[in-house]
C-alpha atoms as a PDB file:
ATOM      1  CA  MET A   1     102.153 109.425  97.177  1.00  0.00           C
ATOM      2  CA  PHE A   2      99.341 107.825  99.146  1.00  0.00           C
ATOM      3  CA  VAL A   3      99.400 104.450  97.366  1.00  0.00           C
ATOM      4  CA  PRO A   4     103.013 103.499  98.312  1.00  0.00           C
ATOM      5  CA  LEU A   5     102.278 104.644 101.865  1.00  0.00           C
ATOM      6  CA  GLN A   6      99.260 102.347 102.142  1.00  0.00           C
ATOM      7  CA  GLU A   7     101.160  99.434 100.611  1.00  0.00           C
ATOM      8  CA  THR A   8     103.923  99.934 103.170  1.00  0.00           C
ATOM      9  CA  VAL A   9     101.759 100.587 106.222  1.00  0.00           C
ATOM     10  CA  GLN A  10      99.115  97.868 105.830  1.00  0.00           C
ATOM     11  CA  PRO A  11     101.539  94.879 105.921  1.00  0.00           C
ATOM     12  CA  GLY A  12     103.198  96.504 108.935  1.00  0.00           C
ATOM     13  CA  ILE A  13      99.851  96.672 110.734  1.00  0.00           C
ATOM     14  CA  ILE A  14      99.156  93.030 109.843  1.00  0.00           C
ATOM     15  CA  ASP A  15     102.604  91.987 111.118  1.00  0.00           C
ATOM     16  CA  ALA A  16     102.093  93.968 114.336  1.00  0.00           C
ATOM     17  CA  ALA A  17      98.669  92.373 114.881  1.00  0.00           C
ATOM     18  CA  GLY A  18     100.115  88.891 114.329  1.00  0.00           C
ATOM     19  CA  TYR A  19     102.954  89.671 116.739  1.00  0.00           C
ATOM     20  CA  VAL A  20     100.522  90.865 119.428  1.00  0.00           C
ATOM     21  CA  ILE A  21      98.312  87.794 118.952  1.00  0.00           C
ATOM     22  CA  THR A  22     101.349  85.507 119.228  1.00  0.00           C
ATOM     23  CA  LEU A  23     102.571  87.262 122.392  1.00  0.00           C
ATOM     24  CA  GLY A  24      99.050  87.163 123.845  1.00  0.00           C
ATOM     25  CA  GLY A  25      98.808  83.442 123.138  1.00  0.00           C
ATOM     26  CA  ILE A  26     102.153  82.767 124.835  1.00  0.00           C
ATOM     27  CA  LEU A  27     101.165  84.853 127.876  1.00  0.00           C
ATOM     28  CA  ALA A  28      97.743  83.186 128.093  1.00  0.00           C
ATOM     29  CA  THR A  29      99.359  79.737 127.914  1.00  0.00           C
ATOM     30  CA  ALA A  30     101.902  80.638 130.614  1.00  0.00           C
ATOM     31  CA  LEU A  31      99.171  81.987 132.911  1.00  0.00           C
ATOM     32  CA  TRP A  32      97.020  78.885 132.292  1.00  0.00           C
ATOM     33  CA  LEU A  33      99.963  76.574 133.141  1.00  0.00           C
ATOM     34  CA  LYS A  34     100.619  78.559 136.336  1.00  0.00           C
ATOM     35  CA  PHE A  35      96.917  78.270 137.202  1.00  0.00           C
ATOM     36  CA  LEU A  36      96.981  74.496 136.626  1.00  0.00           C
ATOM     37  CA  ALA A  37     100.231  74.120 138.588  1.00  0.00           C
ATOM     38  CA  ARG A  38      98.510  75.458 141.695  1.00  0.00           C
END
C-alpha cells in the first residue's frame, strides 16, 4: 500500500515545487520591473 502512495505523492510534490518556483519567479520579475520603473 505504501509504494503506490509514494509514486502518487512524489510527482505531486515535484509539481507543487515547480509551480511555487514559477510563481516566485513571476513575482520577483514583477517586483524588479516596478523597482526599475521608479
